[in-house]
Amino acid sequence: MDDKIKGLLESLVMLLVNSKFSEIVARNENGRLSQSEIEAALSDYPGVISLPPESTYSSAYIYDIYDDVTEARRIEFDLWYDGEVSDLTLSAEIKKNSSGKLVITIDDIHIL
């Protein structure tokens, strides 16, 4: 996994784990989900969301979305609850914005 992509994913997961939902929205990383929808998706799952081990980021599923301009990719990453991997999955998209900087946005938080 590209270090920039890994860094964006780690940063977003850290914000989710620390309940920094307003910061996610302020950074425009919430995608199509509202702040309350993100909070509900995480709180409806049993247990307490926790930071995954560093090694798990390299096992995230990354799919290219063939767009040469934005170099878009979709990521599926299993979130961790109570110190164990869960079946609650963060689906996100990473692409270059109009200034050429890679950005991450949440597509969905769902059970796979």
PDB file of N, CA and C in Angstrom:
ATOM      1  N   MET A   1       0.850  -1.178   0.000  1.00  0.00           N
ATOM      2  CA  MET A   1       0.000   0.000   0.000  1.00  0.00           C
ATOM      3  C   MET A   1       0.894   1.239   0.000  1.00  0.00           C
ATOM      4  N   ASP A   2       0.525   2.189  -0.812  1.00  0.00           N
ATOM      5  CA  ASP A   2       1.223   3.462  -0.897  1.00  0.00           C
ATOM      6  C   ASP A   2       1.197   4.158   0.470  1.00  0.00           C
ATOM      7  N   ASP A   3       2.327   4.750   0.873  1.00  0.00           N
ATOM      8  CA  ASP A   3       2.417   5.398   2.190  1.00  0.00           C
ATOM      9  C   ASP A   3       1.423   6.543   2.353  1.00  0.00           C
ATOM     10  N   LYS A   4       1.157   7.291   1.279  1.00  0.00           N
ATOM     11  CA  LYS A   4       0.198   8.400   1.369  1.00  0.00           C
ATOM     12  C   LYS A   4      -1.205   7.872   1.623  1.00  0.00           C
ATOM     13  N   ILE A   5      -1.563   6.810   0.918  1.00  0.00           N
ATOM     14  CA  ILE A   5      -2.886   6.209   1.105  1.00  0.00           C
ATOM     15  C   ILE A   5      -3.002   5.644   2.513  1.00  0.00           C
ATOM     16  N   LYS A   6      -1.971   4.942   2.958  1.00  0.00           N
ATOM     17  CA  LYS A   6      -1.972   4.381   4.310  1.00  0.00           C
ATOM     18  C   LYS A   6      -2.115   5.481   5.351  1.00  0.00           C
ATOM     19  N   GLY A   7      -1.412   6.591   5.165  1.00  0.00           N
ATOM     20  CA  GLY A   7      -1.494   7.711   6.096  1.00  0.00           C
ATOM     21  C   GLY A   7      -2.887   8.313   6.156  1.00  0.00           C
ATOM     22  N   LEU A   8      -3.532   8.460   4.996  1.00  0.00           N
ATOM     23  CA  LEU A   8      -4.896   8.997   4.964  1.00  0.00           C
ATOM     24  C   LEU A   8      -5.865   8.057   5.680  1.00  0.00           C
ATOM     25  N   LEU A   9      -5.724   6.756   5.432  1.00  0.00           N
ATOM     26  CA  LEU A   9      -6.593   5.771   6.077  1.00  0.00           C
ATOM     27  C   LEU A   9      -6.371   5.758   7.585  1.00  0.00           C
ATOM     28  N   GLU A  10      -5.121   5.734   8.022  1.00  0.00           N
ATOM     29  CA  GLU A  10      -4.815   5.735   9.452  1.00  0.00           C
ATOM     30  C   GLU A  10      -5.391   6.975  10.129  1.00  0.00           C
ATOM     31  N   SER A  11      -5.254   8.114   9.490  1.00  0.00           N
ATOM     32  CA  SER A  11      -5.757   9.368  10.050  1.00  0.00           C
ATOM     33  C   SER A  11      -7.272   9.325  10.214  1.00  0.00           C
ATOM     34  N   LEU A  12      -7.971   8.832   9.198  1.00  0.00           N
ATOM     35  CA  LEU A  12      -9.428   8.755   9.261  1.00  0.00           C
ATOM     36  C   LEU A  12      -9.879   7.772  10.340  1.00  0.00           C
ATOM     37  N   VAL A  13      -9.244   6.618  10.419  1.00  0.00           N
ATOM     38  CA  VAL A  13      -9.603   5.634  11.453  1.00  0.00           C
ATOM     39  C   VAL A  13      -9.354   6.210  12.847  1.00  0.00           C
ATOM     40  N   MET A  14      -8.245   6.935  13.010  1.00  0.00           N
ATOM     41  CA  MET A  14      -7.935   7.566  14.297  1.00  0.00           C
ATOM     42  C   MET A  14      -9.046   8.557  14.688  1.00  0.00           C
ATOM     43  N   LEU A  15      -9.528   9.339  13.733  1.00  0.00           N
ATOM     44  CA  LEU A  15     -10.611  10.279  14.014  1.00  0.00           C
ATOM     45  C   LEU A  15     -11.893   9.538  14.410  1.00  0.00           C
ATOM     46  N   LEU A  16     -12.181   8.443  13.723  1.00  0.00           N
ATOM     47  CA  LEU A  16     -13.373   7.653  14.051  1.00  0.00           C
ATOM     48  C   LEU A  16     -13.267   7.079  15.461  1.00  0.00           C
ATOM     49  N   VAL A  17     -12.121   6.492  15.785  1.00  0.00           N
ATOM     50  CA  VAL A  17     -11.919   5.870  17.098  1.00  0.00           C
ATOM     51  C   VAL A  17     -12.027   6.905  18.214  1.00  0.00           C
ATOM     52  N   ASN A  18     -11.545   8.112  17.953  1.00  0.00           N
ATOM     53  CA  ASN A  18     -11.559   9.170  18.969  1.00  0.00           C
ATOM     54  C   ASN A  18     -12.825  10.035  18.917  1.00  0.00           C
ATOM     55  N   SER A  19     -13.833   9.572  18.176  1.00  0.00           N
ATOM     56  CA  SER A  19     -15.138  10.261  18.070  1.00  0.00           C
ATOM     57  C   SER A  19     -15.006  11.712  17.625  1.00  0.00           C
ATOM     58  N   LYS A  20     -14.083  11.989  16.750  1.00  0.00           N
ATOM     59  CA  LYS A  20     -13.870  13.357  16.226  1.00  0.00           C
ATOM     60  C   LYS A  20     -14.709  13.537  14.955  1.00  0.00           C
ATOM     61  N   PHE A  21     -16.009  13.329  15.094  1.00  0.00           N
ATOM     62  CA  PHE A  21     -16.895  13.352  13.934  1.00  0.00           C
ATOM     63  C   PHE A  21     -16.998  14.736  13.302  1.00  0.00           C
ATOM     64  N   SER A  22     -17.022  15.779  14.131  1.00  0.00           N
ATOM     65  CA  SER A  22     -17.109  17.128  13.580  1.00  0.00           C
ATOM     66  C   SER A  22     -15.843  17.481  12.804  1.00  0.00           C
ATOM     67  N   GLU A  23     -14.699  16.951  13.238  1.00  0.00           N
ATOM     68  CA  GLU A  23     -13.449  17.194  12.507  1.00  0.00           C
ATOM     69  C   GLU A  23     -13.468  16.484  11.155  1.00  0.00           C
ATOM     70  N   ILE A  24     -14.042  15.277  11.118  1.00  0.00           N
ATOM     71  CA  ILE A  24     -14.179  14.554   9.849  1.00  0.00           C
ATOM     72  C   ILE A  24     -15.004  15.385   8.875  1.00  0.00           C
ATOM     73  N   VAL A  25     -16.111  15.947   9.356  1.00  0.00           N
ATOM     74  CA  VAL A  25     -16.967  16.777   8.512  1.00  0.00           C
ATOM     75  C   VAL A  25     -16.241  18.057   8.094  1.00  0.00           C
ATOM     76  N   ALA A  26     -15.531  18.683   9.032  1.00  0.00           N
ATOM     77  CA  ALA A  26     -14.798  19.917   8.724  1.00  0.00           C
ATOM     78  C   ALA A  26     -13.725  19.673   7.660  1.00  0.00           C
ATOM     79  N   ARG A  27     -13.172  18.477   7.645  1.00  0.00           N
ATOM     80  CA  ARG A  27     -12.141  18.134   6.661  1.00  0.00           C
ATOM     81  C   ARG A  27     -12.743  17.602   5.361  1.00  0.00           C
ATOM     82  N   ASN A  28     -14.083  17.602   5.276  1.00  0.00           N
ATOM     83  CA  ASN A  28     -14.804  17.087   4.101  1.00  0.00           C
ATOM     84  C   ASN A  28     -14.478  15.626   3.820  1.00  0.00           C
ATOM     85  N   GLU A  29     -14.242  14.861   4.875  1.00  0.00           N
ATOM     86  CA  GLU A  29     -13.935  13.446   4.716  1.00  0.00           C
ATOM     87  C   GLU A  29     -15.157  12.565   4.963  1.00  0.00           C
ATOM     88  N   ASN A  30     -16.286  13.182   5.284  1.00  0.00           N
ATOM     89  CA  ASN A  30     -17.499  12.421   5.582  1.00  0.00           C
ATOM     90  C   ASN A  30     -18.188  11.891   4.334  1.00  0.00           C
ATOM     91  N   GLY A  31     -17.818  12.371   3.161  1.00  0.00           N
ATOM     92  CA  GLY A  31     -18.421  11.875   1.922  1.00  0.00           C
ATOM     93  C   GLY A  31     -19.915  12.080   1.906  1.00  0.00           C
ATOM     94  N   ARG A  32     -20.640  11.011   1.607  1.00  0.00           N
ATOM     95  CA  ARG A  32     -22.105  11.123   1.496  1.00  0.00           C
ATOM     96  C   ARG A  32     -22.808  10.940   2.826  1.00  0.00           C
ATOM     97  N   LEU A  33     -22.063  10.650   3.889  1.00  0.00           N
ATOM     98  CA  LEU A  33     -22.672  10.445   5.204  1.00  0.00           C
ATOM     99  C   LEU A  33     -22.638  11.727   6.035  1.00  0.00           C
ATOM    100  N   SER A  34     -23.715  11.978   6.744  1.00  0.00           N
ATOM    101  CA  SER A  34     -23.746  13.113   7.665  1.00  0.00           C
ATOM    102  C   SER A  34     -23.012  12.723   8.946  1.00  0.00           C
ATOM    103  N   GLN A  35     -22.722  13.717   9.761  1.00  0.00           N
ATOM    104  CA  GLN A  35     -22.071  13.456  11.038  1.00  0.00           C
ATOM    105  C   GLN A  35     -22.906  12.493  11.877  1.00  0.00           C
ATOM    106  N   SER A  36     -24.212  12.701  11.922  1.00  0.00           N
ATOM    107  CA  SER A  36     -25.068  11.833  12.741  1.00  0.00           C
ATOM    108  C   SER A  36     -25.138  10.414  12.177  1.00  0.00           C
ATOM    109  N   GLU A  37     -25.055  10.265  10.868  1.00  0.00           N
ATOM    110  CA  GLU A  37     -25.064   8.919  10.270  1.00  0.00           C
ATOM    111  C   GLU A  37     -23.778   8.163  10.613  1.00  0.00           C
ATOM    112  N   ILE A  38     -22.652   8.860  10.635  1.00  0.00           N
ATOM    113  CA  ILE A  38     -21.376   8.234  11.018  1.00  0.00           C
ATOM    114  C   ILE A  38     -21.448   7.793  12.480  1.00  0.00           C
ATOM    115  N   GLU A  39     -21.907   8.707  13.341  1.00  0.00           N
ATOM    116  CA  GLU A  39     -22.026   8.387  14.768  1.00  0.00           C
ATOM    117  C   GLU A  39     -22.938   7.190  14.980  1.00  0.00           C
ATOM    118  N   ALA A  40     -24.072   7.162  14.303  1.00  0.00           N
ATOM    119  CA  ALA A  40     -25.035   6.070  14.463  1.00  0.00           C
ATOM    120  C   ALA A  40     -24.451   4.742  13.992  1.00  0.00           C
ATOM    121  N   ALA A  41     -23.758   4.744  12.864  1.00  0.00           N
ATOM    122  CA  ALA A  41     -23.176   3.508  12.328  1.00  0.00           C
ATOM    123  C   ALA A  41     -22.181   2.909  13.311  1.00  0.00           C
ATOM    124  N   LEU A  42     -21.403   3.759  13.966  1.00  0.00           N
ATOM    125  CA  LEU A  42     -20.396   3.265  14.909  1.00  0.00           C
ATOM    126  C   LEU A  42     -20.994   2.882  16.257  1.00  0.00           C
ATOM    127  N   SER A  43     -21.995   3.641  16.720  1.00  0.00           N
ATOM    128  CA  SER A  43     -22.552   3.363  18.048  1.00  0.00           C
ATOM    129  C   SER A  43     -23.569   2.219  18.023  1.00  0.00           C
ATOM    130  N   ASP A  44     -24.174   1.944  16.868  1.00  0.00           N
ATOM    131  CA  ASP A  44     -25.136   0.844  16.776  1.00  0.00           C
ATOM    132  C   ASP A  44     -24.454  -0.516  16.818  1.00  0.00           C
ATOM    133  N   TYR A  45     -23.165  -0.550  16.525  1.00  0.00           N
ATOM    134  CA  TYR A  45     -22.427  -1.819  16.543  1.00  0.00           C
ATOM    135  C   TYR A  45     -22.071  -2.137  17.992  1.00  0.00           C
ATOM    136  N   PRO A  46     -22.240  -3.399  18.413  1.00  0.00           N
ATOM    137  CA  PRO A  46     -21.957  -3.730  19.818  1.00  0.00           C
ATOM    138  C   PRO A  46     -20.468  -3.607  20.156  1.00  0.00           C
ATOM    139  N   GLY A  47     -20.196  -3.073  21.338  1.00  0.00           N
ATOM    140  CA  GLY A  47     -18.820  -2.926  21.794  1.00  0.00           C
ATOM    141  C   GLY A  47     -18.316  -1.502  21.628  1.00  0.00           C
ATOM    142  N   VAL A  48     -17.016  -1.355  21.793  1.00  0.00           N
ATOM    143  CA  VAL A  48     -16.381  -0.042  21.715  1.00  0.00           C
ATOM    144  C   VAL A  48     -15.341  -0.082  20.603  1.00  0.00           C
ATOM    145  N   ILE A  49     -15.432   0.868  19.681  1.00  0.00           N
ATOM    146  CA  ILE A  49     -14.462   0.930  18.589  1.00  0.00           C
ATOM    147  C   ILE A  49     -13.069   1.146  19.176  1.00  0.00           C
ATOM    148  N   SER A  50     -12.085   0.465  18.599  1.00  0.00           N
ATOM    149  CA  SER A  50     -10.724   0.565  19.111  1.00  0.00           C
ATOM    150  C   SER A  50      -9.733   0.672  17.955  1.00  0.00           C
ATOM    151  N   LEU A  51      -8.539   1.158  18.274  1.00  0.00           N
ATOM    152  CA  LEU A  51      -7.504   1.282  17.252  1.00  0.00           C
ATOM    153  C   LEU A  51      -7.022  -0.097  16.828  1.00  0.00           C
ATOM    154  N   PRO A  52      -6.929  -0.328  15.542  1.00  0.00           N
ATOM    155  CA  PRO A  52      -6.396  -1.606  15.075  1.00  0.00           C
ATOM    156  C   PRO A  52      -4.874  -1.616  15.182  1.00  0.00           C
ATOM    157  N   PRO A  53      -4.282  -2.805  15.182  1.00  0.00           N
ATOM    158  CA  PRO A  53      -2.821  -2.873  15.147  1.00  0.00           C
ATOM    159  C   PRO A  53      -2.288  -2.240  13.858  1.00  0.00           C
ATOM    160  N   GLU A  54      -1.123  -1.670  13.928  1.00  0.00           N
ATOM    161  CA  GLU A  54      -0.483  -1.022  12.772  1.00  0.00           C
ATOM    162  C   GLU A  54      -0.447  -1.941  11.556  1.00  0.00           C
ATOM    163  N   SER A  55      -0.201  -3.206  11.778  1.00  0.00           N
ATOM    164  CA  SER A  55      -0.036  -4.155  10.676  1.00  0.00           C
ATOM    165  C   SER A  55      -1.308  -4.356   9.848  1.00  0.00           C
ATOM    166  N   THR A  56      -2.471  -4.047  10.406  1.00  0.00           N
ATOM    167  CA  THR A  56      -3.722  -4.313   9.684  1.00  0.00           C
ATOM    168  C   THR A  56      -3.943  -3.362   8.510  1.00  0.00           C
ATOM    169  N   TYR A  57      -3.334  -2.189   8.548  1.00  0.00           N
ATOM    170  CA  TYR A  57      -3.551  -1.234   7.464  1.00  0.00           C
ATOM    171  C   TYR A  57      -3.049  -1.769   6.125  1.00  0.00           C
ATOM    172  N   SER A  58      -1.986  -2.561   6.159  1.00  0.00           N
ATOM    173  CA  SER A  58      -1.442  -3.094   4.912  1.00  0.00           C
ATOM    174  C   SER A  58      -2.340  -4.173   4.317  1.00  0.00           C
ATOM    175  N   SER A  59      -3.314  -4.675   5.090  1.00  0.00           N
ATOM    176  CA  SER A  59      -4.209  -5.708   4.565  1.00  0.00           C
ATOM    177  C   SER A  59      -5.555  -5.142   4.110  1.00  0.00           C
ATOM    178  N   ALA A  60      -5.676  -3.821   4.056  1.00  0.00           N
ATOM    179  CA  ALA A  60      -6.908  -3.206   3.545  1.00  0.00           C
ATOM    180  C   ALA A  60      -7.071  -3.564   2.071  1.00  0.00           C
ATOM    181  N   TYR A  61      -8.299  -3.767   1.642  1.00  0.00           N
ATOM    182  CA  TYR A  61      -8.572  -4.069   0.230  1.00  0.00           C
ATOM    183  C   TYR A  61      -8.644  -2.762  -0.542  1.00  0.00           C
ATOM    184  N   ILE A  62      -7.833  -2.669  -1.582  1.00  0.00           N
ATOM    185  CA  ILE A  62      -7.799  -1.450  -2.396  1.00  0.00           C
ATOM    186  C   ILE A  62      -8.162  -1.822  -3.826  1.00  0.00           C
ATOM    187  N   TYR A  63      -9.115  -1.076  -4.386  1.00  0.00           N
ATOM    188  CA  TYR A  63      -9.547  -1.299  -5.754  1.00  0.00           C
ATOM    189  C   TYR A  63      -9.317  -0.025  -6.554  1.00  0.00           C
ATOM    190  N   ASP A  64      -8.737  -0.163  -7.728  1.00  0.00           N
ATOM    191  CA  ASP A  64      -8.600   0.995  -8.610  1.00  0.00           C
ATOM    192  C   ASP A  64      -9.943   1.288  -9.247  1.00  0.00           C
ATOM    193  N   ILE A  65     -10.262   2.569  -9.309  1.00  0.00           N
ATOM    194  CA  ILE A  65     -11.434   3.028 -10.057  1.00  0.00           C
ATOM    195  C   ILE A  65     -10.833   3.754 -11.252  1.00  0.00           C
ATOM    196  N   TYR A  66     -10.906   3.180 -12.388  1.00  0.00           N
ATOM    197  CA  TYR A  66     -10.107   3.630 -13.526  1.00  0.00           C
ATOM    198  C   TYR A  66     -10.461   5.040 -13.975  1.00  0.00           C
ATOM    199  N   ASP A  67      -9.769   5.991 -13.374  1.00  0.00           N
ATOM    200  CA  ASP A  67      -9.917   7.406 -13.700  1.00  0.00           C
ATOM    201  C   ASP A  67      -8.513   8.007 -13.639  1.00  0.00           C
ATOM    202  N   ASP A  68      -7.912   8.206 -14.793  1.00  0.00           N
ATOM    203  CA  ASP A  68      -6.525   8.687 -14.840  1.00  0.00           C
ATOM    204  C   ASP A  68      -6.353  10.075 -14.242  1.00  0.00           C
ATOM    205  N   VAL A  69      -7.389  10.887 -14.292  1.00  0.00           N
ATOM    206  CA  VAL A  69      -7.281  12.263 -13.791  1.00  0.00           C
ATOM    207  C   VAL A  69      -7.174  12.289 -12.273  1.00  0.00           C
ATOM    208  N   THR A  70      -8.075  11.589 -11.596  1.00  0.00           N
ATOM    209  CA  THR A  70      -8.108  11.635 -10.129  1.00  0.00           C
ATOM    210  C   THR A  70      -7.347  10.488  -9.475  1.00  0.00           C
ATOM    211  N   GLU A  71      -6.950   9.484 -10.267  1.00  0.00           N
ATOM    212  CA  GLU A  71      -6.291   8.295  -9.733  1.00  0.00           C
ATOM    213  C   GLU A  71      -7.089   7.694  -8.567  1.00  0.00           C
ATOM    214  N   ALA A  72      -8.404   7.648  -8.735  1.00  0.00           N
ATOM    215  CA  ALA A  72      -9.310   7.218  -7.660  1.00  0.00           C
ATOM    216  C   ALA A  72      -9.121   5.744  -7.310  1.00  0.00           C
ATOM    217  N   ARG A  73      -9.267   5.468  -6.021  1.00  0.00           N
ATOM    218  CA  ARG A  73      -9.224   4.108  -5.496  1.00  0.00           C
ATOM    219  C   ARG A  73     -10.301   3.961  -4.416  1.00  0.00           C
ATOM    220  N   ARG A  74     -10.826   2.770  -4.296  1.00  0.00           N
ATOM    221  CA  ARG A  74     -11.778   2.472  -3.234  1.00  0.00           C
ATOM    222  C   ARG A  74     -11.073   1.557  -2.241  1.00  0.00           C
ATOM    223  N   ILE A  75     -11.323   1.799  -0.960  1.00  0.00           N
ATOM    224  CA  ILE A  75     -10.710   1.017   0.109  1.00  0.00           C
ATOM    225  C   ILE A  75     -11.802   0.402   0.970  1.00  0.00           C
ATOM    226  N   GLU A  76     -11.619  -0.861   1.309  1.00  0.00           N
ATOM    227  CA  GLU A  76     -12.478  -1.553   2.272  1.00  0.00           C
ATOM    228  C   GLU A  76     -11.581  -1.922   3.451  1.00  0.00           C
ATOM    229  N   PHE A  77     -11.945  -1.444   4.651  1.00  0.00           N
ATOM    230  CA  PHE A  77     -11.106  -1.685   5.827  1.00  0.00           C
ATOM    231  C   PHE A  77     -11.977  -2.101   6.999  1.00  0.00           C
ATOM    232  N   ASP A  78     -11.690  -3.274   7.569  1.00  0.00           N
ATOM    233  CA  ASP A  78     -12.450  -3.774   8.715  1.00  0.00           C
ATOM    234  C   ASP A  78     -12.085  -2.984   9.967  1.00  0.00           C
ATOM    235  N   LEU A  79     -13.098  -2.418  10.613  1.00  0.00           N
ATOM    236  CA  LEU A  79     -12.879  -1.679  11.850  1.00  0.00           C
ATOM    237  C   LEU A  79     -12.724  -2.646  13.015  1.00  0.00           C
ATOM    238  N   TRP A  80     -12.108  -2.185  14.076  1.00  0.00           N
ATOM    239  CA  TRP A  80     -11.863  -3.012  15.257  1.00  0.00           C
ATOM    240  C   TRP A  80     -12.736  -2.551  16.407  1.00  0.00           C
ATOM    241  N   TYR A  81     -13.293  -3.513  17.132  1.00  0.00           N
ATOM    242  CA  TYR A  81     -14.105  -3.249  18.323  1.00  0.00           C
ATOM    243  C   TYR A  81     -13.588  -4.110  19.456  1.00  0.00           C
ATOM    244  N   ASP A  82     -13.461  -3.502  20.624  1.00  0.00           N
ATOM    245  CA  ASP A  82     -13.003  -4.217  21.825  1.00  0.00           C
ATOM    246  C   ASP A  82     -11.700  -4.975  21.566  1.00  0.00           C
ATOM    247  N   GLY A  83     -10.814  -4.384  20.773  1.00  0.00           N
ATOM    248  CA  GLY A  83      -9.507  -4.970  20.519  1.00  0.00           C
ATOM    249  C   GLY A  83      -9.485  -6.129  19.546  1.00  0.00           C
ATOM    250  N   GLU A  84     -10.594  -6.360  18.847  1.00  0.00           N
ATOM    251  CA  GLU A  84     -10.658  -7.457  17.883  1.00  0.00           C
ATOM    252  C   GLU A  84     -11.257  -6.964  16.570  1.00  0.00           C
ATOM    253  N   VAL A  85     -10.854  -7.611  15.476  1.00  0.00           N
ATOM    254  CA  VAL A  85     -11.396  -7.234  14.175  1.00  0.00           C
ATOM    255  C   VAL A  85     -12.900  -7.521  14.171  1.00  0.00           C
ATOM    256  N   SER A  86     -13.660  -6.637  13.559  1.00  0.00           N
ATOM    257  CA  SER A  86     -15.114  -6.797  13.495  1.00  0.00           C
ATOM    258  C   SER A  86     -15.537  -6.990  12.044  1.00  0.00           C
ATOM    259  N   ASP A  87     -16.834  -7.212  11.831  1.00  0.00           N
ATOM    260  CA  ASP A  87     -17.336  -7.275  10.461  1.00  0.00           C
ATOM    261  C   ASP A  87     -17.961  -5.945  10.039  1.00  0.00           C
ATOM    262  N   LEU A  88     -17.708  -4.900  10.827  1.00  0.00           N
ATOM    263  CA  LEU A  88     -18.118  -3.549  10.446  1.00  0.00           C
ATOM    264  C   LEU A  88     -16.993  -2.968   9.593  1.00  0.00           C
ATOM    265  N   THR A  89     -17.345  -2.581   8.391  1.00  0.00           N
ATOM    266  CA  THR A  89     -16.336  -2.185   7.409  1.00  0.00           C
ATOM    267  C   THR A  89     -16.471  -0.722   7.028  1.00  0.00           C
ATOM    268  N   LEU A  90     -15.337  -0.050   6.978  1.00  0.00           N
ATOM    269  CA  LEU A  90     -15.257   1.313   6.461  1.00  0.00           C
ATOM    270  C   LEU A  90     -14.973   1.219   4.977  1.00  0.00           C
ATOM    271  N   SER A  91     -15.877   1.757   4.161  1.00  0.00           N
ATOM    272  CA  SER A  91     -15.637   1.871   2.726  1.00  0.00           C
ATOM    273  C   SER A  91     -15.319   3.328   2.445  1.00  0.00           C
ATOM    274  N   ALA A  92     -14.190   3.569   1.804  1.00  0.00           N
ATOM    275  CA  ALA A  92     -13.763   4.940   1.545  1.00  0.00           C
ATOM    276  C   ALA A  92     -13.220   5.050   0.133  1.00  0.00           C
ATOM    277  N   GLU A  93     -13.155   6.283  -0.341  1.00  0.00           N
ATOM    278  CA  GLU A  93     -12.586   6.552  -1.650  1.00  0.00           C
ATOM    279  C   GLU A  93     -11.429   7.521  -1.475  1.00  0.00           C
ATOM    280  N   ILE A  94     -10.361   7.269  -2.189  1.00  0.00           N
ATOM    281  CA  ILE A  94      -9.210   8.172  -2.183  1.00  0.00           C
ATOM    282  C   ILE A  94      -8.995   8.619  -3.617  1.00  0.00           C
ATOM    283  N   LYS A  95      -8.885   9.924  -3.791  1.00  0.00           N
ATOM    284  CA  LYS A  95      -8.627  10.455  -5.128  1.00  0.00           C
ATOM    285  C   LYS A  95      -7.973  11.821  -5.008  1.00  0.00           C
ATOM    286  N   LYS A  96      -7.430  12.272  -6.133  1.00  0.00           N
ATOM    287  CA  LYS A  96      -6.826  13.600  -6.158  1.00  0.00           C
ATOM    288  C   LYS A  96      -7.927  14.644  -6.312  1.00  0.00           C
ATOM    289  N   ASN A  97      -7.812  15.714  -5.526  1.00  0.00           N
ATOM    290  CA  ASN A  97      -8.772  16.808  -5.659  1.00  0.00           C
ATOM    291  C   ASN A  97      -8.320  17.738  -6.779  1.00  0.00           C
ATOM    292  N   SER A  98      -8.996  18.862  -6.943  1.00  0.00           N
ATOM    293  CA  SER A  98      -8.717  19.766  -8.061  1.00  0.00           C
ATOM    294  C   SER A  98      -7.307  20.352  -8.005  1.00  0.00           C
ATOM    295  N   SER A  99      -6.695  20.377  -6.815  1.00  0.00           N
ATOM    296  CA  SER A  99      -5.332  20.899  -6.712  1.00  0.00           C
ATOM    297  C   SER A  99      -4.286  19.787  -6.770  1.00  0.00           C
ATOM    298  N   GLY A 100      -4.723  18.541  -7.019  1.00  0.00           N
ATOM    299  CA  GLY A 100      -3.790  17.435  -7.181  1.00  0.00           C
ATOM    300  C   GLY A 100      -3.379  16.752  -5.894  1.00  0.00           C
ATOM    301  N   LYS A 101      -4.023  17.104  -4.779  1.00  0.00           N
ATOM    302  CA  LYS A 101      -3.703  16.496  -3.488  1.00  0.00           C
ATOM    303  C   LYS A 101      -4.619  15.300  -3.250  1.00  0.00           C
ATOM    304  N   LEU A 102      -4.058  14.187  -2.753  1.00  0.00           N
ATOM    305  CA  LEU A 102      -4.870  13.021  -2.423  1.00  0.00           C
ATOM    306  C   LEU A 102      -5.746  13.314  -1.214  1.00  0.00           C
ATOM    307  N   VAL A 103      -7.023  12.974  -1.318  1.00  0.00           N
ATOM    308  CA  VAL A 103      -7.975  13.154  -0.221  1.00  0.00           C
ATOM    309  C   VAL A 103      -8.763  11.865  -0.044  1.00  0.00           C
ATOM    310  N   ILE A 104      -9.243  11.644   1.178  1.00  0.00           N
ATOM    311  CA  ILE A 104     -10.043  10.458   1.489  1.00  0.00           C
ATOM    312  C   ILE A 104     -11.440  10.903   1.893  1.00  0.00           C
ATOM    313  N   THR A 105     -12.437  10.150   1.460  1.00  0.00           N
ATOM    314  CA  THR A 105     -13.817  10.422   1.882  1.00  0.00           C
ATOM    315  C   THR A 105     -14.499   9.087   2.190  1.00  0.00           C
ATOM    316  N   ILE A 106     -15.365   9.122   3.194  1.00  0.00           N
ATOM    317  CA  ILE A 106     -16.132   7.929   3.564  1.00  0.00           C
ATOM    318  C   ILE A 106     -17.212   7.701   2.519  1.00  0.00           C
ATOM    319  N   ASP A 107     -17.316   6.464   2.063  1.00  0.00           N
ATOM    320  CA  ASP A 107     -18.409   6.093   1.177  1.00  0.00           C
ATOM    321  C   ASP A 107     -19.522   5.441   1.989  1.00  0.00           C
ATOM    322  N   ASP A 108     -19.120   4.594   2.956  1.00  0.00           N
ATOM    323  CA  ASP A 108     -20.116   3.909   3.774  1.00  0.00           C
ATOM    324  C   ASP A 108     -19.432   3.258   4.975  1.00  0.00           C
ATOM    325  N   ILE A 109     -20.205   2.989   5.995  1.00  0.00           N
ATOM    326  CA  ILE A 109     -19.775   2.194   7.133  1.00  0.00           C
ATOM    327  C   ILE A 109     -20.860   1.142   7.301  1.00  0.00           C
ATOM    328  N   HIS A 110     -20.517  -0.124   7.028  1.00  0.00           N
ATOM    329  CA  HIS A 110     -21.533  -1.160   6.941  1.00  0.00           C
ATOM    330  C   HIS A 110     -20.958  -2.517   7.311  1.00  0.00           C
ATOM    331  N   ILE A 111     -21.842  -3.465   7.553  1.00  0.00           N
ATOM    332  CA  ILE A 111     -21.421  -4.835   7.864  1.00  0.00           C
ATOM    333  C   ILE A 111     -21.262  -5.591   6.564  1.00  0.00           C
ATOM    334  N   LEU A 112     -20.090  -6.207   6.406  1.00  0.00           N
ATOM    335  CA  LEU A 112     -19.836  -7.021   5.204  1.00  0.00           C
ATOM    336  C   LEU A 112     -19.870  -8.493   5.566  1.00  0.00           C
TER     337      LEU A 112
END
